[in-house]
Amino acid sequence: MKTKKLTEALERVEAWPADIQNELAEFAIELDTGLKGGEYEPTPEELAGIDRGLRAAAEGRFATDSQVEAVFAKFRGR
């Protein structure tokens, strides 16, 4: 059974480019795996990003409060 909101979303998705539809499908499959208690397997790109973040943290490279606020302000305005 699909909810009305999901049905509406899927109708809109049909107009998206195929590569974006595939990204959404991958995300949905990840959600489904989580709901079934399966373990999430990060992609090599995600693992590389995690490694970069851990290295940056170990080196003490963090955004300042003003940098973080500037990013939030940028996206709040949208």
N, C-alpha and C. Protein backbone atom coordinates (compact mmCIF):
# COMPACT_ATOMS: atom_id res chain seq x y z
N MET A 1 0.83 -1.18 0.00
CA MET A 1 0.00 0.00 0.00
C MET A 1 0.88 1.25 0.00
N LYS A 2 0.58 2.19 -0.89
CA LYS A 2 1.30 3.45 -0.93
C LYS A 2 0.43 4.54 -0.34
N THR A 3 1.09 5.44 0.40
CA THR A 3 0.35 6.59 0.90
C THR A 3 0.13 7.57 -0.24
N LYS A 4 -0.79 8.50 -0.03
CA LYS A 4 -1.08 9.52 -1.04
C LYS A 4 0.18 10.35 -1.30
N LYS A 5 0.89 10.69 -0.24
CA LYS A 5 2.08 11.52 -0.39
C LYS A 5 3.16 10.79 -1.19
N LEU A 6 3.35 9.49 -0.93
CA LEU A 6 4.33 8.72 -1.69
C LEU A 6 3.92 8.62 -3.16
N THR A 7 2.66 8.39 -3.41
CA THR A 7 2.17 8.32 -4.79
C THR A 7 2.46 9.62 -5.54
N GLU A 8 2.20 10.75 -4.89
CA GLU A 8 2.47 12.04 -5.50
C GLU A 8 3.96 12.22 -5.77
N ALA A 9 4.79 11.83 -4.82
CA ALA A 9 6.23 11.96 -4.99
C ALA A 9 6.72 11.10 -6.15
N LEU A 10 6.24 9.87 -6.24
CA LEU A 10 6.67 8.97 -7.31
C LEU A 10 6.25 9.49 -8.68
N GLU A 11 5.09 10.12 -8.74
CA GLU A 11 4.66 10.71 -10.01
C GLU A 11 5.61 11.82 -10.44
N ARG A 12 6.08 12.61 -9.50
CA ARG A 12 7.02 13.69 -9.82
C ARG A 12 8.38 13.14 -10.21
N VAL A 13 8.79 12.07 -9.54
CA VAL A 13 10.10 11.46 -9.80
C VAL A 13 10.20 10.94 -11.22
N GLU A 14 9.10 10.53 -11.79
CA GLU A 14 9.11 9.99 -13.15
C GLU A 14 9.67 10.98 -14.17
N ALA A 15 9.61 12.26 -13.86
CA ALA A 15 10.11 13.29 -14.77
C ALA A 15 11.59 13.59 -14.55
N TRP A 16 12.18 13.01 -13.53
CA TRP A 16 13.59 13.26 -13.22
C TRP A 16 14.49 12.51 -14.19
N PRO A 17 15.73 12.98 -14.36
CA PRO A 17 16.70 12.23 -15.18
C PRO A 17 16.97 10.86 -14.54
N ALA A 18 17.32 9.89 -15.38
CA ALA A 18 17.51 8.51 -14.92
C ALA A 18 18.56 8.40 -13.81
N ASP A 19 19.66 9.15 -13.92
CA ASP A 19 20.69 9.02 -12.90
C ASP A 19 20.21 9.50 -11.53
N ILE A 20 19.37 10.51 -11.51
CA ILE A 20 18.83 11.00 -10.25
C ILE A 20 17.79 10.02 -9.71
N GLN A 21 17.00 9.42 -10.59
CA GLN A 21 16.06 8.38 -10.16
C GLN A 21 16.82 7.23 -9.52
N ASN A 22 17.96 6.85 -10.10
CA ASN A 22 18.76 5.75 -9.55
C ASN A 22 19.31 6.11 -8.18
N GLU A 23 19.72 7.36 -7.99
CA GLU A 23 20.20 7.78 -6.66
C GLU A 23 19.10 7.64 -5.62
N LEU A 24 17.89 8.07 -5.98
CA LEU A 24 16.75 7.94 -5.07
C LEU A 24 16.48 6.48 -4.75
N ALA A 25 16.54 5.63 -5.77
CA ALA A 25 16.29 4.20 -5.57
C ALA A 25 17.33 3.60 -4.62
N GLU A 26 18.59 3.99 -4.79
CA GLU A 26 19.64 3.48 -3.90
C GLU A 26 19.38 3.91 -2.46
N PHE A 27 18.97 5.16 -2.29
CA PHE A 27 18.65 5.65 -0.95
C PHE A 27 17.49 4.87 -0.34
N ALA A 28 16.45 4.63 -1.14
CA ALA A 28 15.29 3.88 -0.65
C ALA A 28 15.69 2.47 -0.23
N ILE A 29 16.57 1.84 -1.00
CA ILE A 29 17.03 0.49 -0.67
C ILE A 29 17.82 0.51 0.64
N GLU A 30 18.64 1.55 0.84
CA GLU A 30 19.37 1.67 2.10
C GLU A 30 18.40 1.80 3.28
N LEU A 31 17.35 2.62 3.11
CA LEU A 31 16.34 2.77 4.16
C LEU A 31 15.68 1.43 4.46
N ASP A 32 15.33 0.71 3.41
CA ASP A 32 14.68 -0.58 3.58
C ASP A 32 15.58 -1.56 4.33
N THR A 33 16.85 -1.55 3.99
CA THR A 33 17.80 -2.43 4.67
C THR A 33 17.84 -2.11 6.16
N GLY A 34 17.85 -0.82 6.48
CA GLY A 34 17.86 -0.41 7.88
C GLY A 34 16.61 -0.83 8.62
N LEU A 35 15.46 -0.76 7.93
CA LEU A 35 14.20 -1.17 8.56
C LEU A 35 14.17 -2.66 8.85
N LYS A 36 14.88 -3.43 8.03
CA LYS A 36 14.89 -4.88 8.21
C LYS A 36 16.01 -5.34 9.13
N GLY A 37 16.73 -4.38 9.72
CA GLY A 37 17.78 -4.74 10.67
C GLY A 37 19.08 -5.15 10.01
N GLY A 38 19.20 -4.93 8.71
CA GLY A 38 20.45 -5.27 8.03
C GLY A 38 21.53 -4.26 8.35
N GLU A 39 22.75 -4.63 8.08
CA GLU A 39 23.87 -3.73 8.31
C GLU A 39 24.12 -2.89 7.08
N TYR A 40 24.38 -1.61 7.30
CA TYR A 40 24.68 -0.70 6.21
C TYR A 40 26.12 -0.87 5.78
N GLU A 41 26.35 -0.97 4.50
CA GLU A 41 27.70 -1.07 3.95
C GLU A 41 28.02 0.22 3.23
N PRO A 42 28.90 1.05 3.81
CA PRO A 42 29.24 2.30 3.13
C PRO A 42 29.97 2.04 1.82
N THR A 43 29.79 2.98 0.89
CA THR A 43 30.48 2.88 -0.40
C THR A 43 31.94 3.28 -0.21
N PRO A 44 32.81 2.93 -1.16
CA PRO A 44 34.21 3.36 -1.05
C PRO A 44 34.33 4.89 -0.94
N GLU A 45 33.47 5.62 -1.64
CA GLU A 45 33.51 7.08 -1.55
C GLU A 45 33.14 7.55 -0.15
N GLU A 46 32.14 6.92 0.45
CA GLU A 46 31.74 7.29 1.82
C GLU A 46 32.86 6.96 2.80
N LEU A 47 33.50 5.80 2.62
CA LEU A 47 34.61 5.44 3.51
C LEU A 47 35.76 6.43 3.39
N ALA A 48 36.03 6.88 2.17
CA ALA A 48 37.09 7.87 1.97
C ALA A 48 36.73 9.18 2.66
N GLY A 49 35.47 9.57 2.59
CA GLY A 49 35.02 10.79 3.26
C GLY A 49 35.13 10.68 4.77
N ILE A 50 34.80 9.51 5.29
CA ILE A 50 34.93 9.28 6.73
C ILE A 50 36.40 9.39 7.14
N ASP A 51 37.28 8.78 6.36
CA ASP A 51 38.71 8.86 6.65
C ASP A 51 39.21 10.30 6.62
N ARG A 52 38.76 11.08 5.63
CA ARG A 52 39.16 12.50 5.55
C ARG A 52 38.70 13.25 6.80
N GLY A 53 37.48 13.00 7.21
CA GLY A 53 36.95 13.66 8.39
C GLY A 53 37.70 13.28 9.65
N LEU A 54 38.03 12.02 9.78
CA LEU A 54 38.78 11.58 10.96
C LEU A 54 40.18 12.19 10.99
N ARG A 55 40.82 12.27 9.81
CA ARG A 55 42.15 12.91 9.74
C ARG A 55 42.06 14.39 10.11
N ALA A 56 41.04 15.06 9.57
CA ALA A 56 40.87 16.48 9.87
C ALA A 56 40.64 16.69 11.36
N ALA A 57 39.83 15.85 11.97
CA ALA A 57 39.57 15.97 13.40
C ALA A 57 40.83 15.72 14.21
N ALA A 58 41.60 14.71 13.81
CA ALA A 58 42.85 14.40 14.52
C ALA A 58 43.84 15.56 14.43
N GLU A 59 43.77 16.31 13.31
CA GLU A 59 44.65 17.45 13.12
C GLU A 59 44.08 18.73 13.72
N GLY A 60 42.89 18.64 14.31
CA GLY A 60 42.27 19.80 14.93
C GLY A 60 41.68 20.79 13.95
N ARG A 61 41.39 20.33 12.74
CA ARG A 61 40.82 21.23 11.71
C ARG A 61 39.30 21.21 11.81
N PHE A 62 38.77 22.23 12.44
CA PHE A 62 37.33 22.37 12.60
C PHE A 62 36.91 23.75 12.11
N ALA A 63 35.68 23.86 11.69
CA ALA A 63 35.14 25.16 11.30
C ALA A 63 34.93 26.00 12.55
N THR A 64 35.15 27.30 12.41
CA THR A 64 34.89 28.20 13.53
C THR A 64 33.39 28.40 13.67
N ASP A 65 32.98 28.92 14.82
CA ASP A 65 31.56 29.20 15.03
C ASP A 65 31.03 30.16 13.96
N SER A 66 31.83 31.16 13.60
CA SER A 66 31.35 32.13 12.60
C SER A 66 31.24 31.49 11.22
N GLN A 67 32.12 30.56 10.89
CA GLN A 67 32.03 29.86 9.60
C GLN A 67 30.77 28.99 9.54
N VAL A 68 30.50 28.32 10.63
CA VAL A 68 29.30 27.48 10.69
C VAL A 68 28.05 28.34 10.58
N GLU A 69 28.02 29.45 11.30
CA GLU A 69 26.87 30.34 11.25
C GLU A 69 26.68 30.90 9.84
N ALA A 70 27.77 31.22 9.14
CA ALA A 70 27.68 31.74 7.78
C ALA A 70 27.03 30.72 6.84
N VAL A 71 27.38 29.46 7.00
CA VAL A 71 26.78 28.42 6.16
C VAL A 71 25.29 28.27 6.47
N PHE A 72 24.94 28.25 7.76
CA PHE A 72 23.54 28.14 8.13
C PHE A 72 22.75 29.34 7.59
N ALA A 73 23.32 30.53 7.71
CA ALA A 73 22.64 31.73 7.23
C ALA A 73 22.41 31.66 5.73
N LYS A 74 23.39 31.13 5.01
CA LYS A 74 23.26 31.01 3.54
C LYS A 74 22.07 30.13 3.17
N PHE A 75 21.92 29.01 3.85
CA PHE A 75 20.87 28.06 3.48
C PHE A 75 19.53 28.39 4.10
N ARG A 76 19.53 29.13 5.19
CA ARG A 76 18.25 29.56 5.78
C ARG A 76 17.53 30.52 4.85
N GLY A 77 18.30 31.27 4.08
CA GLY A 77 17.71 32.27 3.19
C GLY A 77 17.03 31.69 1.99
N ARG A 78 17.22 30.41 1.72
CA ARG A 78 16.65 29.79 0.52
C ARG A 78 15.22 29.41 0.73
